[in-house]
N, C-alpha and C. Protein backbone atom coordinates (compact mmCIF):
# COMPACT_ATOMS: atom_id res chain seq x y z
N MET A 1 10.50 -12.19 8.54
CA MET A 1 9.72 -11.58 9.58
C MET A 1 9.78 -12.48 10.80
N GLU A 2 9.99 -11.89 11.93
CA GLU A 2 10.07 -12.65 13.17
C GLU A 2 9.20 -11.96 14.21
N LYS A 3 8.44 -12.72 14.94
CA LYS A 3 7.63 -12.17 16.02
C LYS A 3 8.25 -12.59 17.34
N SER A 4 8.77 -11.59 18.05
CA SER A 4 9.40 -11.85 19.34
C SER A 4 8.35 -11.72 20.44
N PRO A 5 8.37 -12.60 21.43
CA PRO A 5 7.39 -12.50 22.52
C PRO A 5 7.48 -11.14 23.21
N GLY A 6 6.33 -10.44 23.26
CA GLY A 6 6.27 -9.15 23.91
C GLY A 6 6.89 -8.00 23.15
N LYS A 7 7.47 -8.25 21.99
CA LYS A 7 8.15 -7.20 21.24
C LYS A 7 7.48 -6.88 19.92
N GLY A 8 6.52 -7.67 19.47
CA GLY A 8 5.89 -7.43 18.17
C GLY A 8 6.71 -8.04 17.04
N ILE A 9 6.50 -7.52 15.87
CA ILE A 9 7.15 -8.05 14.66
C ILE A 9 8.45 -7.30 14.38
N ARG A 10 9.41 -8.00 13.82
CA ARG A 10 10.65 -7.40 13.35
C ARG A 10 10.94 -8.02 11.98
N PHE A 11 11.38 -7.21 11.04
CA PHE A 11 11.75 -7.72 9.72
C PHE A 11 13.25 -7.94 9.68
N ASP A 12 13.64 -9.07 9.06
CA ASP A 12 15.05 -9.44 8.94
C ASP A 12 15.41 -9.61 7.48
N ALA A 13 16.67 -9.38 7.15
CA ALA A 13 17.21 -9.70 5.83
C ALA A 13 17.93 -11.04 5.97
N TRP A 14 17.71 -11.90 5.00
CA TRP A 14 18.30 -13.23 5.03
C TRP A 14 19.36 -13.35 3.95
N ASP A 15 20.55 -13.75 4.32
CA ASP A 15 21.62 -14.03 3.37
C ASP A 15 21.57 -15.53 3.10
N ALA A 16 21.06 -15.89 1.91
CA ALA A 16 20.86 -17.30 1.58
C ALA A 16 22.19 -18.06 1.50
N ALA A 17 23.23 -17.40 0.99
CA ALA A 17 24.52 -18.08 0.84
C ALA A 17 25.12 -18.45 2.19
N ALA A 18 25.02 -17.53 3.15
CA ALA A 18 25.60 -17.78 4.48
C ALA A 18 24.58 -18.36 5.45
N ASP A 19 23.33 -18.40 5.04
CA ASP A 19 22.22 -18.86 5.88
C ASP A 19 22.20 -18.10 7.21
N THR A 20 22.27 -16.75 7.09
CA THR A 20 22.22 -15.90 8.28
C THR A 20 21.14 -14.84 8.09
N ARG A 21 20.66 -14.31 9.22
CA ARG A 21 19.68 -13.23 9.20
C ARG A 21 20.21 -12.07 10.03
N ARG A 22 19.76 -10.88 9.66
CA ARG A 22 20.07 -9.71 10.47
C ARG A 22 18.87 -8.78 10.45
N PRO A 23 18.59 -8.11 11.56
CA PRO A 23 17.42 -7.22 11.63
C PRO A 23 17.56 -6.03 10.69
N VAL A 24 16.46 -5.67 10.03
CA VAL A 24 16.44 -4.47 9.17
C VAL A 24 15.33 -3.52 9.60
N SER A 25 14.64 -3.85 10.68
CA SER A 25 13.64 -2.96 11.27
C SER A 25 13.71 -3.10 12.77
N PRO A 26 13.14 -2.14 13.49
CA PRO A 26 13.12 -2.28 14.95
C PRO A 26 12.09 -3.32 15.37
N ASP A 27 12.18 -3.78 16.62
CA ASP A 27 11.14 -4.61 17.20
C ASP A 27 9.88 -3.76 17.35
N GLY A 28 8.75 -4.43 17.44
CA GLY A 28 7.51 -3.71 17.70
C GLY A 28 6.80 -3.20 16.48
N MET A 29 7.18 -3.69 15.30
CA MET A 29 6.47 -3.30 14.08
C MET A 29 5.03 -3.82 14.20
N PRO A 30 4.04 -3.04 13.79
CA PRO A 30 2.65 -3.48 13.93
C PRO A 30 2.33 -4.67 13.03
N ASP A 31 1.49 -5.54 13.52
CA ASP A 31 1.07 -6.73 12.78
C ASP A 31 -0.16 -6.35 11.95
N LEU A 32 0.07 -5.68 10.82
CA LEU A 32 -1.01 -5.18 9.97
C LEU A 32 -1.25 -6.14 8.81
N ASP A 33 -2.33 -5.89 8.11
CA ASP A 33 -2.63 -6.69 6.92
C ASP A 33 -1.94 -6.11 5.70
N GLU A 34 -0.71 -5.68 5.87
CA GLU A 34 0.05 -5.15 4.75
C GLU A 34 1.47 -5.68 4.83
N PHE A 35 2.04 -5.92 3.68
CA PHE A 35 3.43 -6.35 3.62
C PHE A 35 4.28 -5.14 3.32
N PRO A 36 5.53 -5.14 3.74
CA PRO A 36 6.42 -4.04 3.37
C PRO A 36 6.59 -4.01 1.86
N LEU A 37 6.71 -2.82 1.31
CA LEU A 37 6.93 -2.66 -0.13
C LEU A 37 8.42 -2.49 -0.37
N VAL A 38 9.03 -3.46 -1.02
CA VAL A 38 10.46 -3.40 -1.31
C VAL A 38 10.66 -2.50 -2.54
N SER A 39 11.65 -1.62 -2.45
CA SER A 39 11.92 -0.66 -3.54
C SER A 39 12.39 -1.39 -4.79
N PRO A 40 12.28 -0.71 -5.94
CA PRO A 40 12.71 -1.35 -7.20
C PRO A 40 14.17 -1.82 -7.19
N ASP A 41 15.05 -1.12 -6.48
CA ASP A 41 16.46 -1.54 -6.45
C ASP A 41 16.74 -2.60 -5.39
N GLY A 42 15.73 -2.91 -4.55
CA GLY A 42 15.89 -3.95 -3.54
C GLY A 42 16.72 -3.56 -2.33
N HIS A 43 17.04 -2.27 -2.19
CA HIS A 43 17.90 -1.84 -1.09
C HIS A 43 17.15 -1.22 0.09
N GLN A 44 15.85 -1.02 -0.06
CA GLN A 44 15.06 -0.42 1.01
C GLN A 44 13.62 -0.91 0.92
N PHE A 45 12.87 -0.70 2.00
CA PHE A 45 11.45 -1.05 1.96
C PHE A 45 10.66 -0.04 2.76
N LEU A 46 9.41 0.11 2.40
CA LEU A 46 8.50 1.03 3.06
C LEU A 46 7.53 0.23 3.90
N ALA A 47 7.36 0.63 5.16
CA ALA A 47 6.44 -0.08 6.06
C ALA A 47 5.98 0.86 7.16
N THR A 48 4.90 0.49 7.81
CA THR A 48 4.42 1.22 8.98
C THR A 48 5.27 0.82 10.17
N GLY A 49 5.81 1.82 10.86
CA GLY A 49 6.71 1.55 11.98
C GLY A 49 5.99 1.39 13.30
N PRO A 50 6.73 1.13 14.37
CA PRO A 50 6.15 0.97 15.70
C PRO A 50 5.36 2.20 16.16
N ASP A 51 5.69 3.37 15.61
CA ASP A 51 4.99 4.60 15.98
C ASP A 51 3.70 4.82 15.19
N GLY A 52 3.38 3.89 14.26
CA GLY A 52 2.18 4.02 13.45
C GLY A 52 2.37 4.87 12.20
N GLU A 53 3.54 5.45 12.04
CA GLU A 53 3.86 6.26 10.86
C GLU A 53 4.60 5.40 9.85
N ARG A 54 4.61 5.86 8.60
CA ARG A 54 5.31 5.10 7.56
C ARG A 54 6.75 5.59 7.45
N HIS A 55 7.64 4.59 7.28
CA HIS A 55 9.07 4.87 7.19
C HIS A 55 9.66 4.04 6.05
N VAL A 56 10.81 4.51 5.57
CA VAL A 56 11.61 3.73 4.63
C VAL A 56 12.79 3.20 5.42
N TYR A 57 12.93 1.88 5.41
CA TYR A 57 14.00 1.20 6.14
C TYR A 57 15.03 0.70 5.13
N SER A 58 16.30 0.89 5.45
CA SER A 58 17.37 0.41 4.59
C SER A 58 17.60 -1.07 4.86
N ILE A 59 17.72 -1.83 3.81
CA ILE A 59 18.05 -3.25 3.94
C ILE A 59 19.55 -3.42 4.09
N ASP A 60 20.31 -2.43 3.60
CA ASP A 60 21.77 -2.48 3.64
C ASP A 60 22.36 -1.87 4.90
N GLY A 61 21.52 -1.48 5.87
CA GLY A 61 22.02 -0.91 7.10
C GLY A 61 22.20 0.60 7.07
N GLY A 62 21.54 1.27 6.15
CA GLY A 62 21.69 2.72 6.00
C GLY A 62 20.75 3.55 6.85
N GLY A 63 20.00 2.96 7.73
CA GLY A 63 19.14 3.74 8.61
C GLY A 63 17.69 3.81 8.15
N THR A 64 16.95 4.69 8.81
CA THR A 64 15.52 4.82 8.60
C THR A 64 15.17 6.27 8.28
N LYS A 65 14.22 6.47 7.36
CA LYS A 65 13.74 7.82 7.03
C LYS A 65 12.23 7.83 7.16
N ALA A 66 11.69 8.87 7.77
CA ALA A 66 10.24 9.04 7.81
C ALA A 66 9.77 9.40 6.40
N VAL A 67 8.58 8.92 6.03
CA VAL A 67 8.00 9.25 4.73
C VAL A 67 7.16 10.50 4.89
N ALA A 68 7.44 11.51 4.09
CA ALA A 68 6.71 12.77 4.16
C ALA A 68 5.47 12.72 3.26
N GLY A 69 4.45 13.47 3.66
CA GLY A 69 3.31 13.70 2.79
C GLY A 69 2.19 12.69 2.81
N LEU A 70 2.25 11.67 3.66
CA LEU A 70 1.18 10.68 3.70
C LEU A 70 0.26 10.95 4.88
N THR A 71 -1.02 10.67 4.68
CA THR A 71 -2.01 10.83 5.74
C THR A 71 -2.50 9.46 6.17
N PRO A 72 -3.21 9.37 7.29
CA PRO A 72 -3.77 8.07 7.71
C PRO A 72 -4.79 7.50 6.71
N HIS A 73 -5.32 8.35 5.83
CA HIS A 73 -6.30 7.91 4.83
C HIS A 73 -5.66 7.39 3.55
N ASP A 74 -4.34 7.49 3.46
CA ASP A 74 -3.63 7.06 2.26
C ASP A 74 -3.25 5.59 2.33
N SER A 75 -3.34 4.93 1.18
CA SER A 75 -2.83 3.57 1.03
C SER A 75 -1.73 3.60 -0.01
N VAL A 76 -0.56 3.10 0.36
CA VAL A 76 0.55 3.03 -0.59
C VAL A 76 0.36 1.78 -1.42
N VAL A 77 0.28 1.95 -2.74
CA VAL A 77 -0.01 0.84 -3.65
C VAL A 77 1.28 0.18 -4.14
N ALA A 78 2.24 0.99 -4.56
CA ALA A 78 3.47 0.46 -5.14
C ALA A 78 4.51 1.57 -5.22
N TRP A 79 5.75 1.17 -5.41
CA TRP A 79 6.79 2.16 -5.69
C TRP A 79 6.60 2.66 -7.11
N HIS A 80 6.83 3.94 -7.31
CA HIS A 80 6.86 4.52 -8.66
C HIS A 80 8.29 4.46 -9.18
N ASP A 81 9.19 4.83 -8.34
CA ASP A 81 10.63 4.74 -8.60
C ASP A 81 11.29 4.67 -7.22
N GLY A 82 12.55 4.88 -7.12
CA GLY A 82 13.21 4.80 -5.81
C GLY A 82 12.96 5.98 -4.90
N ARG A 83 12.28 7.02 -5.42
CA ARG A 83 12.05 8.24 -4.64
C ARG A 83 10.58 8.53 -4.38
N SER A 84 9.68 7.84 -5.06
CA SER A 84 8.26 8.16 -4.91
C SER A 84 7.42 6.89 -5.00
N VAL A 85 6.17 7.02 -4.52
CA VAL A 85 5.25 5.88 -4.47
C VAL A 85 3.89 6.28 -5.03
N TYR A 86 3.16 5.27 -5.52
CA TYR A 86 1.77 5.46 -5.94
C TYR A 86 0.90 5.35 -4.69
N VAL A 87 -0.03 6.28 -4.54
CA VAL A 87 -0.87 6.35 -3.35
C VAL A 87 -2.32 6.54 -3.75
N THR A 88 -3.22 5.84 -3.06
CA THR A 88 -4.65 6.11 -3.19
C THR A 88 -5.14 6.65 -1.85
N THR A 89 -6.19 7.45 -1.90
CA THR A 89 -6.74 8.04 -0.69
C THR A 89 -8.17 7.58 -0.52
N HIS A 90 -8.48 7.08 0.66
CA HIS A 90 -9.83 6.59 0.95
C HIS A 90 -10.82 7.76 0.91
N ARG A 91 -11.98 7.48 0.32
CA ARG A 91 -13.08 8.44 0.31
C ARG A 91 -14.36 7.71 0.68
N ASP A 92 -15.38 8.45 1.07
CA ASP A 92 -16.64 7.82 1.45
C ASP A 92 -17.31 7.11 0.27
N GLN A 93 -17.20 7.66 -0.91
CA GLN A 93 -17.72 7.03 -2.11
C GLN A 93 -16.54 6.49 -2.91
N ASN A 94 -16.34 5.18 -2.87
CA ASN A 94 -15.18 4.57 -3.54
C ASN A 94 -15.56 4.01 -4.90
N ARG A 95 -16.17 4.83 -5.75
CA ARG A 95 -16.58 4.38 -7.09
C ARG A 95 -15.50 4.65 -8.13
N THR A 96 -14.51 5.41 -7.74
CA THR A 96 -13.34 5.66 -8.58
C THR A 96 -12.12 5.53 -7.67
N ILE A 97 -10.95 5.45 -8.29
CA ILE A 97 -9.71 5.42 -7.51
C ILE A 97 -8.83 6.57 -7.98
N PRO A 98 -8.75 7.65 -7.19
CA PRO A 98 -7.78 8.69 -7.53
C PRO A 98 -6.39 8.24 -7.08
N VAL A 99 -5.45 8.26 -7.99
CA VAL A 99 -4.09 7.81 -7.69
C VAL A 99 -3.14 9.00 -7.84
N SER A 100 -2.29 9.17 -6.85
CA SER A 100 -1.27 10.23 -6.88
C SER A 100 0.10 9.59 -6.76
N ILE A 101 1.10 10.36 -7.14
CA ILE A 101 2.49 9.98 -6.91
C ILE A 101 3.01 10.91 -5.83
N VAL A 102 3.54 10.33 -4.75
CA VAL A 102 4.03 11.12 -3.63
C VAL A 102 5.54 10.93 -3.51
N ASP A 103 6.27 12.03 -3.52
CA ASP A 103 7.71 12.01 -3.30
C ASP A 103 7.94 11.75 -1.81
N ILE A 104 8.65 10.68 -1.47
CA ILE A 104 8.76 10.27 -0.07
C ILE A 104 9.64 11.19 0.77
N GLU A 105 10.47 12.02 0.13
CA GLU A 105 11.32 12.94 0.90
C GLU A 105 10.66 14.29 1.09
N SER A 106 10.08 14.84 0.01
CA SER A 106 9.50 16.18 0.10
C SER A 106 8.02 16.16 0.47
N GLY A 107 7.35 15.04 0.20
CA GLY A 107 5.90 14.96 0.43
C GLY A 107 5.09 15.55 -0.70
N LYS A 108 5.74 15.98 -1.77
CA LYS A 108 5.01 16.57 -2.91
C LYS A 108 4.11 15.51 -3.53
N ARG A 109 2.84 15.87 -3.70
CA ARG A 109 1.84 14.97 -4.24
C ARG A 109 1.45 15.45 -5.64
N THR A 110 1.58 14.54 -6.61
CA THR A 110 1.23 14.86 -7.99
C THR A 110 0.14 13.90 -8.46
N PRO A 111 -1.02 14.41 -8.90
CA PRO A 111 -2.05 13.49 -9.41
C PRO A 111 -1.51 12.69 -10.60
N TRP A 112 -1.78 11.39 -10.59
CA TRP A 112 -1.34 10.52 -11.68
C TRP A 112 -2.51 10.20 -12.60
N LYS A 113 -3.56 9.60 -12.08
CA LYS A 113 -4.77 9.36 -12.85
C LYS A 113 -5.90 8.98 -11.93
N GLU A 114 -7.11 9.13 -12.42
CA GLU A 114 -8.29 8.67 -11.69
C GLU A 114 -8.84 7.48 -12.44
N ILE A 115 -8.87 6.34 -11.77
CA ILE A 115 -9.33 5.11 -12.42
C ILE A 115 -10.84 5.03 -12.26
N ARG A 116 -11.51 4.92 -13.41
CA ARG A 116 -12.97 4.87 -13.45
C ARG A 116 -13.39 3.66 -14.28
N PRO A 117 -14.08 2.71 -13.67
CA PRO A 117 -14.59 1.59 -14.45
C PRO A 117 -15.57 2.09 -15.52
N MET A 118 -15.70 1.31 -16.58
CA MET A 118 -16.54 1.72 -17.71
C MET A 118 -18.04 1.58 -17.41
N VAL A 119 -18.38 0.85 -16.36
CA VAL A 119 -19.78 0.70 -15.97
C VAL A 119 -19.94 1.24 -14.56
N PRO A 120 -21.13 1.71 -14.18
CA PRO A 120 -21.32 2.18 -12.80
C PRO A 120 -21.12 1.03 -11.81
N VAL A 121 -20.36 1.27 -10.78
CA VAL A 121 -20.05 0.25 -9.78
C VAL A 121 -20.29 0.81 -8.39
N ASP A 122 -20.35 -0.08 -7.39
CA ASP A 122 -20.51 0.34 -6.01
C ASP A 122 -19.18 0.65 -5.34
N GLU A 123 -18.15 -0.11 -5.70
CA GLU A 123 -16.85 0.10 -5.05
C GLU A 123 -15.74 -0.41 -5.95
N VAL A 124 -14.62 0.30 -5.93
CA VAL A 124 -13.42 -0.09 -6.67
C VAL A 124 -12.31 -0.28 -5.65
N GLY A 125 -11.49 -1.33 -5.80
CA GLY A 125 -10.41 -1.56 -4.85
C GLY A 125 -9.41 -2.55 -5.40
N GLY A 126 -8.45 -2.92 -4.56
CA GLY A 126 -7.46 -3.92 -4.93
C GLY A 126 -6.55 -3.50 -6.06
N LEU A 127 -6.23 -2.23 -6.15
CA LEU A 127 -5.40 -1.71 -7.24
C LEU A 127 -3.98 -2.28 -7.18
N ARG A 128 -3.48 -2.67 -8.33
CA ARG A 128 -2.09 -3.09 -8.50
C ARG A 128 -1.54 -2.37 -9.72
N ILE A 129 -0.32 -1.87 -9.62
CA ILE A 129 0.31 -1.12 -10.71
C ILE A 129 1.64 -1.79 -11.04
N THR A 130 1.93 -1.96 -12.32
CA THR A 130 3.20 -2.56 -12.72
C THR A 130 4.35 -1.62 -12.37
N ALA A 131 5.53 -2.18 -12.28
CA ALA A 131 6.71 -1.41 -11.88
C ALA A 131 6.97 -0.22 -12.79
N ASP A 132 6.68 -0.36 -14.09
CA ASP A 132 6.93 0.75 -15.02
C ASP A 132 5.74 1.70 -15.12
N GLY A 133 4.64 1.41 -14.43
CA GLY A 133 3.47 2.28 -14.45
C GLY A 133 2.68 2.26 -15.74
N LYS A 134 2.99 1.33 -16.63
CA LYS A 134 2.29 1.30 -17.93
C LYS A 134 1.01 0.49 -17.89
N ALA A 135 0.82 -0.29 -16.85
CA ALA A 135 -0.40 -1.11 -16.77
C ALA A 135 -0.85 -1.19 -15.31
N TYR A 136 -2.14 -1.40 -15.14
CA TYR A 136 -2.68 -1.57 -13.80
C TYR A 136 -3.90 -2.48 -13.87
N ALA A 137 -4.26 -3.01 -12.72
CA ALA A 137 -5.44 -3.87 -12.62
C ALA A 137 -6.14 -3.53 -11.31
N TYR A 138 -7.44 -3.79 -11.27
CA TYR A 138 -8.20 -3.50 -10.06
C TYR A 138 -9.43 -4.40 -10.03
N ASN A 139 -10.05 -4.45 -8.87
CA ASN A 139 -11.30 -5.18 -8.69
C ASN A 139 -12.42 -4.17 -8.50
N PHE A 140 -13.64 -4.60 -8.77
CA PHE A 140 -14.78 -3.75 -8.45
C PHE A 140 -15.96 -4.63 -8.07
N THR A 141 -16.88 -4.04 -7.33
CA THR A 141 -18.09 -4.75 -6.95
C THR A 141 -19.29 -3.89 -7.32
N TYR A 142 -20.35 -4.57 -7.66
CA TYR A 142 -21.61 -3.87 -7.84
C TYR A 142 -22.74 -4.82 -7.48
N LEU A 143 -23.77 -4.23 -6.94
CA LEU A 143 -24.94 -5.00 -6.55
C LEU A 143 -26.02 -4.80 -7.58
N ARG A 144 -26.63 -5.88 -7.93
CA ARG A 144 -27.69 -5.82 -8.93
C ARG A 144 -28.94 -6.40 -8.31
N SER A 145 -30.04 -5.74 -8.51
CA SER A 145 -31.29 -6.24 -7.97
C SER A 145 -32.42 -5.94 -8.94
N GLU A 146 -33.48 -6.68 -8.80
CA GLU A 146 -34.66 -6.48 -9.62
C GLU A 146 -35.86 -6.34 -8.70
N LEU A 147 -36.81 -5.52 -9.10
CA LEU A 147 -38.01 -5.33 -8.33
C LEU A 147 -39.18 -5.91 -9.12
N PHE A 148 -39.92 -6.79 -8.49
CA PHE A 148 -41.11 -7.37 -9.08
C PHE A 148 -42.33 -6.84 -8.34
N VAL A 149 -43.33 -6.44 -9.08
CA VAL A 149 -44.57 -5.96 -8.48
C VAL A 149 -45.63 -7.02 -8.73
N ALA A 150 -46.21 -7.51 -7.66
CA ALA A 150 -47.27 -8.51 -7.77
C ALA A 150 -48.60 -7.84 -7.43
N GLU A 151 -49.55 -8.02 -8.28
CA GLU A 151 -50.88 -7.44 -8.03
C GLU A 151 -51.91 -8.55 -7.92
N GLY A 152 -52.93 -8.32 -7.14
CA GLY A 152 -54.05 -9.26 -7.03
C GLY A 152 -53.77 -10.49 -6.18
N ILE A 153 -52.76 -10.47 -5.36
CA ILE A 153 -52.46 -11.62 -4.51
C ILE A 153 -53.30 -11.50 -3.24
N LYS A 154 -53.96 -12.60 -2.90
CA LYS A 154 -54.79 -12.59 -1.68
C LYS A 154 -54.24 -13.54 -0.67
């Protein structure tokens, strides 16, 4: 990743053997709190582009494709395979995590599972899914409080 003055961020591919870099994204990529998601085959990555939309960029020089079917409320968690990604959608009550698989070319959304902690919680987040989709991990928060009633205090 390189930040050019006045141009924003640009992602580069580095050839360790030749110690050379070449651009794999345009200048002006937004400086977000997200890293590009590299595909399972290592030949492409998904990132938010300069236009604020999500795109798949080729690392091998094959061009850029817009990702279909994602909304501004969606968070891409991981690649499912080379054609689809795991996605969560923000909701006002984040006590569960509904996860879908979205085909990046057609935009077809298929529900995968709804993650529900075994105890009531205030919020669930930080979902990570293994490459084969057989395991996942997440964080949750809950607030606990106690009420004490005092009588006869003067």
